[in-house]
PDB file of N, CA and C in Angstrom:
ATOM      1  N   MET A   1       6.451  45.702  41.794  1.00  0.00           N
ATOM      2  CA  MET A   1       6.249  44.286  41.618  1.00  0.00           C
ATOM      3  C   MET A   1       7.359  43.694  40.752  1.00  0.00           C
ATOM      4  N   ALA A   2       7.779  42.519  41.122  1.00  0.00           N
ATOM      5  CA  ALA A   2       8.823  41.839  40.364  1.00  0.00           C
ATOM      6  C   ALA A   2       8.193  41.070  39.213  1.00  0.00           C
ATOM      7  N   GLU A   3       8.868  41.094  38.099  1.00  0.00           N
ATOM      8  CA  GLU A   3       8.369  40.376  36.924  1.00  0.00           C
ATOM      9  C   GLU A   3       8.816  38.918  36.997  1.00  0.00           C
ATOM     10  N   THR A   4       7.906  38.000  36.743  1.00  0.00           N
ATOM     11  CA  THR A   4       8.209  36.572  36.812  1.00  0.00           C
ATOM     12  C   THR A   4       8.178  35.991  35.405  1.00  0.00           C
ATOM     13  N   THR A   5       9.185  35.191  35.105  1.00  0.00           N
ATOM     14  CA  THR A   5       9.254  34.512  33.817  1.00  0.00           C
ATOM     15  C   THR A   5       9.183  33.011  34.060  1.00  0.00           C
ATOM     16  N   THR A   6       8.295  32.358  33.347  1.00  0.00           N
ATOM     17  CA  THR A   6       8.165  30.906  33.465  1.00  0.00           C
ATOM     18  C   THR A   6       8.706  30.271  32.197  1.00  0.00           C
ATOM     19  N   LEU A   7       9.621  29.361  32.372  1.00  0.00           N
ATOM     20  CA  LEU A   7      10.173  28.625  31.234  1.00  0.00           C
ATOM     21  C   LEU A   7       9.521  27.247  31.191  1.00  0.00           C
ATOM     22  N   THR A   8       9.063  26.889  30.053  1.00  0.00           N
ATOM     23  CA  THR A   8       8.425  25.589  29.888  1.00  0.00           C
ATOM     24  C   THR A   8       9.226  24.785  28.880  1.00  0.00           C
ATOM     25  N   ASN A   9       9.538  23.567  29.256  1.00  0.00           N
ATOM     26  CA  ASN A   9      10.254  22.667  28.359  1.00  0.00           C
ATOM     27  C   ASN A   9       9.299  21.545  27.980  1.00  0.00           C
ATOM     28  N   THR A  10       8.944  21.477  26.726  1.00  0.00           N
ATOM     29  CA  THR A  10       8.022  20.461  26.259  1.00  0.00           C
ATOM     30  C   THR A  10       8.769  19.482  25.368  1.00  0.00           C
ATOM     31  N   GLU A  11       8.666  18.216  25.702  1.00  0.00           N
ATOM     32  CA  GLU A  11       9.276  17.182  24.873  1.00  0.00           C
ATOM     33  C   GLU A  11       8.169  16.449  24.135  1.00  0.00           C
ATOM     34  N   THR A  12       8.360  16.271  22.873  1.00  0.00           N
ATOM     35  CA  THR A  12       7.364  15.534  22.098  1.00  0.00           C
ATOM     36  C   THR A  12       8.045  14.357  21.416  1.00  0.00           C
ATOM     37  N   ASP A  13       7.481  13.219  21.631  1.00  0.00           N
ATOM     38  CA  ASP A  13       7.934  12.024  20.936  1.00  0.00           C
ATOM     39  C   ASP A  13       6.921  11.742  19.843  1.00  0.00           C
ATOM     40  N   VAL A  14       7.405  11.676  18.640  1.00  0.00           N
ATOM     41  CA  VAL A  14       6.521  11.388  17.521  1.00  0.00           C
ATOM     42  C   VAL A  14       6.715   9.928  17.147  1.00  0.00           C
ATOM     43  N   PHE A  15       5.638   9.195  17.230  1.00  0.00           N
ATOM     44  CA  PHE A  15       5.681   7.788  16.853  1.00  0.00           C
ATOM     45  C   PHE A  15       5.053   7.641  15.483  1.00  0.00           C
ATOM     46  N   THR A  16       5.810   7.114  14.572  1.00  0.00           N
ATOM     47  CA  THR A  16       5.252   6.843  13.255  1.00  0.00           C
ATOM     48  C   THR A  16       5.213   5.329  13.071  1.00  0.00           C
ATOM     49  N   ALA A  17       4.058   4.849  12.759  1.00  0.00           N
ATOM     50  CA  ALA A  17       3.892   3.416  12.529  1.00  0.00           C
ATOM     51  C   ALA A  17       4.618   3.039  11.238  1.00  0.00           C
ATOM     52  N   PRO A  18       5.228   1.875  11.234  1.00  0.00           N
ATOM     53  CA  PRO A  18       5.904   1.447  10.008  1.00  0.00           C
ATOM     54  C   PRO A  18       4.899   1.243   8.877  1.00  0.00           C
ATOM     55  N   PRO A  19       5.312   1.520   7.649  1.00  0.00           N
ATOM     56  CA  PRO A  19       4.389   1.331   6.521  1.00  0.00           C
ATOM     57  C   PRO A  19       4.149  -0.146   6.225  1.00  0.00           C
ATOM     58  N   TRP A  20       3.060  -0.389   5.521  1.00  0.00           N
ATOM     59  CA  TRP A  20       2.666  -1.736   5.122  1.00  0.00           C
ATOM     60  C   TRP A  20       2.633  -1.828   3.600  1.00  0.00           C
ATOM     61  N   ASN A  21       3.017  -2.990   3.099  1.00  0.00           N
ATOM     62  CA  ASN A  21       2.980  -3.262   1.663  1.00  0.00           C
ATOM     63  C   ASN A  21       1.741  -4.067   1.314  1.00  0.00           C
ATOM     64  N   VAL A  22       1.087  -3.666   0.241  1.00  0.00           N
ATOM     65  CA  VAL A  22       0.010  -4.456  -0.347  1.00  0.00           C
ATOM     66  C   VAL A  22       0.646  -5.226  -1.500  1.00  0.00           C
ATOM     67  N   ILE A  23       0.522  -6.538  -1.449  1.00  0.00           N
ATOM     68  CA  ILE A  23       1.191  -7.401  -2.432  1.00  0.00           C
ATOM     69  C   ILE A  23       0.158  -8.182  -3.226  1.00  0.00           C
ATOM     70  N   VAL A  24       0.317  -8.171  -4.535  1.00  0.00           N
ATOM     71  CA  VAL A  24      -0.501  -9.010  -5.414  1.00  0.00           C
ATOM     72  C   VAL A  24       0.374 -10.179  -5.846  1.00  0.00           C
ATOM     73  N   HIS A  25      -0.181 -11.383  -5.717  1.00  0.00           N
ATOM     74  CA  HIS A  25       0.536 -12.617  -6.064  1.00  0.00           C
ATOM     75  C   HIS A  25       0.010 -13.166  -7.383  1.00  0.00           C
ATOM     76  N   ASP A  26       0.883 -13.865  -8.060  1.00  0.00           N
ATOM     77  CA  ASP A  26       0.503 -14.501  -9.323  1.00  0.00           C
ATOM     78  C   ASP A  26      -0.486 -15.632  -9.038  1.00  0.00           C
ATOM     79  N   ASP A  27      -1.418 -15.795  -9.923  1.00  0.00           N
ATOM     80  CA  ASP A  27      -2.356 -16.909  -9.823  1.00  0.00           C
ATOM     81  C   ASP A  27      -2.659 -17.411 -11.226  1.00  0.00           C
ATOM     82  N   PRO A  28      -3.123 -18.649 -11.347  1.00  0.00           N
ATOM     83  CA  PRO A  28      -3.371 -19.219 -12.672  1.00  0.00           C
ATOM     84  C   PRO A  28      -4.723 -18.839 -13.258  1.00  0.00           C
ATOM     85  N   VAL A  29      -5.491 -17.983 -12.565  1.00  0.00           N
ATOM     86  CA  VAL A  29      -6.868 -17.717 -12.967  1.00  0.00           C
ATOM     87  C   VAL A  29      -7.025 -16.417 -13.747  1.00  0.00           C
ATOM     88  N   ASN A  30      -6.514 -15.320 -13.197  1.00  0.00           N
ATOM     89  CA  ASN A  30      -6.779 -14.004 -13.774  1.00  0.00           C
ATOM     90  C   ASN A  30      -5.890 -13.678 -14.974  1.00  0.00           C
ATOM     91  N   LEU A  31      -6.501 -13.110 -15.981  1.00  0.00           N
ATOM     92  CA  LEU A  31      -5.767 -12.689 -17.169  1.00  0.00           C
ATOM     93  C   LEU A  31      -4.957 -11.442 -16.862  1.00  0.00           C
ATOM     94  N   MET A  32      -3.861 -11.272 -17.562  1.00  0.00           N
ATOM     95  CA  MET A  32      -2.986 -10.122 -17.328  1.00  0.00           C
ATOM     96  C   MET A  32      -3.720  -8.799 -17.548  1.00  0.00           C
ATOM     97  N   ALA A  33      -4.551  -8.736 -18.563  1.00  0.00           N
ATOM     98  CA  ALA A  33      -5.298  -7.506 -18.844  1.00  0.00           C
ATOM     99  C   ALA A  33      -6.256  -7.175 -17.703  1.00  0.00           C
ATOM    100  N   TYR A  34      -6.820  -8.210 -17.090  1.00  0.00           N
ATOM    101  CA  TYR A  34      -7.739  -7.989 -15.970  1.00  0.00           C
ATOM    102  C   TYR A  34      -6.988  -7.446 -14.756  1.00  0.00           C
ATOM    103  N   VAL A  35      -5.815  -7.996 -14.463  1.00  0.00           N
ATOM    104  CA  VAL A  35      -5.010  -7.514 -13.338  1.00  0.00           C
ATOM    105  C   VAL A  35      -4.650  -6.046 -13.560  1.00  0.00           C
ATOM    106  N   THR A  36      -4.247  -5.708 -14.770  1.00  0.00           N
ATOM    107  CA  THR A  36      -3.928  -4.314 -15.102  1.00  0.00           C
ATOM    108  C   THR A  36      -5.149  -3.428 -14.883  1.00  0.00           C
ATOM    109  N   PHE A  37      -6.295  -3.866 -15.365  1.00  0.00           N
ATOM    110  CA  PHE A  37      -7.538  -3.111 -15.211  1.00  0.00           C
ATOM    111  C   PHE A  37      -7.866  -2.867 -13.742  1.00  0.00           C
ATOM    112  N   VAL A  38      -7.752  -3.899 -12.912  1.00  0.00           N
ATOM    113  CA  VAL A  38      -8.080  -3.765 -11.486  1.00  0.00           C
ATOM    114  C   VAL A  38      -7.122  -2.791 -10.803  1.00  0.00           C
ATOM    115  N   LEU A  39      -5.840  -2.877 -11.110  1.00  0.00           N
ATOM    116  CA  LEU A  39      -4.877  -1.950 -10.510  1.00  0.00           C
ATOM    117  C   LEU A  39      -5.187  -0.503 -10.894  1.00  0.00           C
ATOM    118  N   MET A  40      -5.597  -0.294 -12.125  1.00  0.00           N
ATOM    119  CA  MET A  40      -5.979   1.047 -12.570  1.00  0.00           C
ATOM    120  C   MET A  40      -7.238   1.511 -11.825  1.00  0.00           C
ATOM    121  N   LYS A  41      -8.188   0.615 -11.674  1.00  0.00           N
ATOM    122  CA  LYS A  41      -9.461   0.959 -11.037  1.00  0.00           C
ATOM    123  C   LYS A  41      -9.286   1.259  -9.545  1.00  0.00           C
ATOM    124  N   ILE A  42      -8.574   0.408  -8.827  1.00  0.00           N
ATOM    125  CA  ILE A  42      -8.445   0.536  -7.372  1.00  0.00           C
ATOM    126  C   ILE A  42      -7.539   1.704  -6.988  1.00  0.00           C
ATOM    127  N   PHE A  43      -6.388   1.817  -7.656  1.00  0.00           N
ATOM    128  CA  PHE A  43      -5.388   2.801  -7.248  1.00  0.00           C
ATOM    129  C   PHE A  43      -5.370   4.059  -8.114  1.00  0.00           C
ATOM    130  N   GLY A  44      -6.043   4.010  -9.248  1.00  0.00           N
ATOM    131  CA  GLY A  44      -6.011   5.154 -10.149  1.00  0.00           C
ATOM    132  C   GLY A  44      -4.711   5.251 -10.924  1.00  0.00           C
ATOM    133  N   TYR A  45      -3.979   4.144 -11.006  1.00  0.00           N
ATOM    134  CA  TYR A  45      -2.719   4.147 -11.753  1.00  0.00           C
ATOM    135  C   TYR A  45      -2.990   4.282 -13.238  1.00  0.00           C
ATOM    136  N   ASN A  46      -2.028   4.889 -13.948  1.00  0.00           N
ATOM    137  CA  ASN A  46      -2.164   4.942 -15.401  1.00  0.00           C
ATOM    138  C   ASN A  46      -1.848   3.554 -15.964  1.00  0.00           C
ATOM    139  N   GLU A  47      -2.215   3.347 -17.211  1.00  0.00           N
ATOM    140  CA  GLU A  47      -2.081   2.015 -17.814  1.00  0.00           C
ATOM    141  C   GLU A  47      -0.633   1.530 -17.850  1.00  0.00           C
ATOM    142  N   LYS A  48       0.290   2.429 -18.130  1.00  0.00           N
ATOM    143  CA  LYS A  48       1.705   2.036 -18.226  1.00  0.00           C
ATOM    144  C   LYS A  48       2.219   1.522 -16.880  1.00  0.00           C
ATOM    145  N   PHE A  49       1.922   2.248 -15.798  1.00  0.00           N
ATOM    146  CA  PHE A  49       2.396   1.832 -14.475  1.00  0.00           C
ATOM    147  C   PHE A  49       1.690   0.552 -14.022  1.00  0.00           C
ATOM    148  N   ALA A  50       0.392   0.464 -14.241  1.00  0.00           N
ATOM    149  CA  ALA A  50      -0.359  -0.731 -13.863  1.00  0.00           C
ATOM    150  C   ALA A  50       0.162  -1.956 -14.623  1.00  0.00           C
ATOM    151  N   THR A  51       0.522  -1.765 -15.878  1.00  0.00           N
ATOM    152  CA  THR A  51       1.075  -2.862 -16.682  1.00  0.00           C
ATOM    153  C   THR A  51       2.428  -3.296 -16.140  1.00  0.00           C
ATOM    154  N   THR A  52       3.250  -2.349 -15.721  1.00  0.00           N
ATOM    155  CA  THR A  52       4.557  -2.671 -15.131  1.00  0.00           C
ATOM    156  C   THR A  52       4.383  -3.527 -13.886  1.00  0.00           C
ATOM    157  N   LEU A  53       3.445  -3.148 -13.021  1.00  0.00           N
ATOM    158  CA  LEU A  53       3.185  -3.935 -11.814  1.00  0.00           C
ATOM    159  C   LEU A  53       2.653  -5.316 -12.157  1.00  0.00           C
ATOM    160  N   MET A  54       1.734  -5.379 -13.123  1.00  0.00           N
ATOM    161  CA  MET A  54       1.176  -6.666 -13.541  1.00  0.00           C
ATOM    162  C   MET A  54       2.282  -7.584 -14.070  1.00  0.00           C
ATOM    163  N   LEU A  55       3.216  -7.028 -14.830  1.00  0.00           N
ATOM    164  CA  LEU A  55       4.313  -7.850 -15.359  1.00  0.00           C
ATOM    165  C   LEU A  55       5.225  -8.359 -14.244  1.00  0.00           C
ATOM    166  N   GLN A  56       5.411  -7.560 -13.195  1.00  0.00           N
ATOM    167  CA  GLN A  56       6.172  -8.040 -12.027  1.00  0.00           C
ATOM    168  C   GLN A  56       5.460  -9.233 -11.399  1.00  0.00           C
ATOM    169  N   VAL A  57       4.155  -9.126 -11.260  1.00  0.00           N
ATOM    170  CA  VAL A  57       3.369 -10.231 -10.709  1.00  0.00           C
ATOM    171  C   VAL A  57       3.556 -11.466 -11.583  1.00  0.00           C
ATOM    172  N   HIS A  58       3.418 -11.295 -12.881  1.00  0.00           N
ATOM    173  CA  HIS A  58       3.495 -12.415 -13.826  1.00  0.00           C
ATOM    174  C   HIS A  58       4.887 -13.046 -13.871  1.00  0.00           C
ATOM    175  N   GLN A  59       5.917 -12.213 -13.898  1.00  0.00           N
ATOM    176  CA  GLN A  59       7.285 -12.723 -14.073  1.00  0.00           C
ATOM    177  C   GLN A  59       7.976 -13.097 -12.764  1.00  0.00           C
ATOM    178  N   GLN A  60       7.683 -12.369 -11.679  1.00  0.00           N
ATOM    179  CA  GLN A  60       8.375 -12.621 -10.414  1.00  0.00           C
ATOM    180  C   GLN A  60       7.500 -13.309  -9.372  1.00  0.00           C
ATOM    181  N   GLY A  61       6.219 -13.492  -9.704  1.00  0.00           N
ATOM    182  CA  GLY A  61       5.321 -14.175  -8.793  1.00  0.00           C
ATOM    183  C   GLY A  61       4.610 -13.269  -7.805  1.00  0.00           C
ATOM    184  N   ARG A  62       5.048 -12.010  -7.718  1.00  0.00           N
ATOM    185  CA  ARG A  62       4.425 -11.061  -6.801  1.00  0.00           C
ATOM    186  C   ARG A  62       4.922  -9.652  -7.094  1.00  0.00           C
ATOM    187  N   SER A  63       4.149  -8.681  -6.613  1.00  0.00           N
ATOM    188  CA  SER A  63       4.545  -7.286  -6.760  1.00  0.00           C
ATOM    189  C   SER A  63       3.964  -6.475  -5.615  1.00  0.00           C
ATOM    190  N   VAL A  64       4.773  -5.576  -5.069  1.00  0.00           N
ATOM    191  CA  VAL A  64       4.278  -4.614  -4.090  1.00  0.00           C
ATOM    192  C   VAL A  64       3.579  -3.532  -4.901  1.00  0.00           C
ATOM    193  N   VAL A  65       2.265  -3.457  -4.762  1.00  0.00           N
ATOM    194  CA  VAL A  65       1.485  -2.530  -5.589  1.00  0.00           C
ATOM    195  C   VAL A  65       1.150  -1.224  -4.870  1.00  0.00           C
ATOM    196  N   TRP A  66       1.345  -1.207  -3.535  1.00  0.00           N
ATOM    197  CA  TRP A  66       1.084   0.018  -2.777  1.00  0.00           C
ATOM    198  C   TRP A  66       1.748  -0.122  -1.414  1.00  0.00           C
ATOM    199  N   THR A  67       2.238   0.990  -0.857  1.00  0.00           N
ATOM    200  CA  THR A  67       2.834   1.010   0.480  1.00  0.00           C
ATOM    201  C   THR A  67       2.313   2.221   1.232  1.00  0.00           C
ATOM    202  N   GLY A  68       1.925   2.003   2.496  1.00  0.00           N
ATOM    203  CA  GLY A  68       1.445   3.118   3.309  1.00  0.00           C
ATOM    204  C   GLY A  68       0.897   2.642   4.634  1.00  0.00           C
ATOM    205  N   GLU A  69       0.027   3.459   5.230  1.00  0.00           N
ATOM    206  CA  GLU A  69      -0.509   3.171   6.556  1.00  0.00           C
ATOM    207  C   GLU A  69      -1.381   1.918   6.555  1.00  0.00           C
ATOM    208  N   LEU A  70      -1.407   1.243   7.704  1.00  0.00           N
ATOM    209  CA  LEU A  70      -2.076  -0.058   7.823  1.00  0.00           C
ATOM    210  C   LEU A  70      -3.552  -0.013   7.441  1.00  0.00           C
ATOM    211  N   GLU A  71      -4.289   0.972   7.946  1.00  0.00           N
ATOM    212  CA  GLU A  71      -5.725   1.011   7.689  1.00  0.00           C
ATOM    213  C   GLU A  71      -6.036   1.086   6.189  1.00  0.00           C
ATOM    214  N   LYS A  72      -5.301   1.919   5.488  1.00  0.00           N
ATOM    215  CA  LYS A  72      -5.504   2.044   4.043  1.00  0.00           C
ATOM    216  C   LYS A  72      -5.049   0.774   3.325  1.00  0.00           C
ATOM    217  N   ALA A  73      -3.946   0.179   3.803  1.00  0.00           N
ATOM    218  CA  ALA A  73      -3.443  -1.059   3.202  1.00  0.00           C
ATOM    219  C   ALA A  73      -4.474  -2.178   3.344  1.00  0.00           C
ATOM    220  N   GLU A  74      -5.119  -2.248   4.505  1.00  0.00           N
ATOM    221  CA  GLU A  74      -6.161  -3.260   4.707  1.00  0.00           C
ATOM    222  C   GLU A  74      -7.343  -3.014   3.768  1.00  0.00           C
ATOM    223  N   PHE A  75      -7.697  -1.751   3.586  1.00  0.00           N
ATOM    224  CA  PHE A  75      -8.795  -1.410   2.679  1.00  0.00           C
ATOM    225  C   PHE A  75      -8.455  -1.832   1.243  1.00  0.00           C
ATOM    226  N   TYR A  76      -7.253  -1.474   0.785  1.00  0.00           N
ATOM    227  CA  TYR A  76      -6.850  -1.839  -0.579  1.00  0.00           C
ATOM    228  C   TYR A  76      -6.792  -3.358  -0.753  1.00  0.00           C
ATOM    229  N   THR A  77      -6.306  -4.058   0.261  1.00  0.00           N
ATOM    230  CA  THR A  77      -6.248  -5.519   0.186  1.00  0.00           C
ATOM    231  C   THR A  77      -7.649  -6.099   0.023  1.00  0.00           C
ATOM    232  N   GLN A  78      -8.601  -5.594   0.793  1.00  0.00           N
ATOM    233  CA  GLN A  78      -9.984  -6.068   0.665  1.00  0.00           C
ATOM    234  C   GLN A  78     -10.546  -5.774  -0.721  1.00  0.00           C
ATOM    235  N   GLN A  79     -10.259  -4.585  -1.242  1.00  0.00           N
ATOM    236  CA  GLN A  79     -10.752  -4.225  -2.568  1.00  0.00           C
ATOM    237  C   GLN A  79     -10.179  -5.153  -3.640  1.00  0.00           C
ATOM    238  N   LEU A  80      -8.892  -5.434  -3.559  1.00  0.00           N
ATOM    239  CA  LEU A  80      -8.257  -6.328  -4.534  1.00  0.00           C
ATOM    240  C   LEU A  80      -8.809  -7.747  -4.411  1.00  0.00           C
ATOM    241  N   GLN A  81      -9.015  -8.211  -3.186  1.00  0.00           N
ATOM    242  CA  GLN A  81      -9.568  -9.547  -2.981  1.00  0.00           C
ATOM    243  C   GLN A  81     -11.011  -9.625  -3.468  1.00  0.00           C
ATOM    244  N   PHE A  82     -11.757  -8.540  -3.314  1.00  0.00           N
ATOM    245  CA  PHE A  82     -13.120  -8.483  -3.841  1.00  0.00           C
ATOM    246  C   PHE A  82     -13.119  -8.703  -5.358  1.00  0.00           C
ATOM    247  N   HIS A  83     -12.054  -8.232  -6.015  1.00  0.00           N
ATOM    248  CA  HIS A  83     -11.903  -8.412  -7.459  1.00  0.00           C
ATOM    249  C   HIS A  83     -11.177  -9.719  -7.801  1.00  0.00           C
ATOM    250  N   GLN A  84     -11.100 -10.614  -6.828  1.00  0.00           N
ATOM    251  CA  GLN A  84     -10.569 -11.971  -7.016  1.00  0.00           C
ATOM    252  C   GLN A  84      -9.064 -12.041  -7.256  1.00  0.00           C
ATOM    253  N   LEU A  85      -8.318 -10.995  -6.845  1.00  0.00           N
ATOM    254  CA  LEU A  85      -6.863 -11.064  -6.959  1.00  0.00           C
ATOM    255  C   LEU A  85      -6.294 -11.647  -5.669  1.00  0.00           C
ATOM    256  N   LYS A  86      -5.293 -12.498  -5.819  1.00  0.00           N
ATOM    257  CA  LYS A  86      -4.624 -13.091  -4.663  1.00  0.00           C
ATOM    258  C   LYS A  86      -3.716 -12.011  -4.069  1.00  0.00           C
ATOM    259  N   THR A  87      -4.032 -11.596  -2.842  1.00  0.00           N
ATOM    260  CA  THR A  87      -3.396 -10.427  -2.257  1.00  0.00           C
ATOM    261  C   THR A  87      -3.040 -10.676  -0.799  1.00  0.00           C
ATOM    262  N   SER A  88      -1.947 -10.052  -0.341  1.00  0.00           N
ATOM    263  CA  SER A  88      -1.577 -10.142   1.065  1.00  0.00           C
ATOM    264  C   SER A  88      -0.972  -8.822   1.521  1.00  0.00           C
ATOM    265  N   LEU A  89      -0.777  -8.728   2.833  1.00  0.00           N
ATOM    266  CA  LEU A  89      -0.147  -7.570   3.475  1.00  0.00           C
ATOM    267  C   LEU A  89       1.138  -8.012   4.149  1.00  0.00           C
ATOM    268  N   GLU A  90       2.126  -7.132   4.140  1.00  0.00           N
ATOM    269  CA  GLU A  90       3.311  -7.390   4.945  1.00  0.00           C
ATOM    270  C   GLU A  90       3.888  -6.043   5.372  1.00  0.00           C
ATOM    271  N   GLN A  91       4.508  -6.039   6.544  1.00  0.00           N
ATOM    272  CA  GLN A  91       5.120  -4.811   7.003  1.00  0.00           C
ATOM    273  C   GLN A  91       6.322  -4.479   6.142  1.00  0.00           C
ATOM    274  N   SER A  92       6.446  -3.223   5.791  1.00  0.00           N
ATOM    275  CA  SER A  92       7.567  -2.764   4.978  1.00  0.00           C
ATOM    276  C   SER A  92       8.820  -2.730   5.846  1.00  0.00           C
ATOM    277  N   GLU A  93       9.950  -2.992   5.247  1.00  0.00           N
ATOM    278  CA  GLU A  93      11.213  -2.987   6.000  1.00  0.00           C
ATOM    279  C   GLU A  93      11.834  -1.623   6.018  1.00  0.00           C
TER     280      GLU A  93
END
């Protein structure tokens, strides 16, 4: 009997969805300490990092506080809005 060899060529295309940014915007209502507290609570950030993000919001009018997959970004946005922070989503470049 003759031995038969089968060669298989498999091509895989990996599609990765672009990441999304969760953005907190400055508002005239929330105190800086409260924004820091919420960032620590939602994301588990340490106080120093949460304060850095809060200062970006305060001084620059906005800060990208998290970047990642859309579903998680939508969840974080809802959580931040539940805590009365002005928040939006945008696709990362």
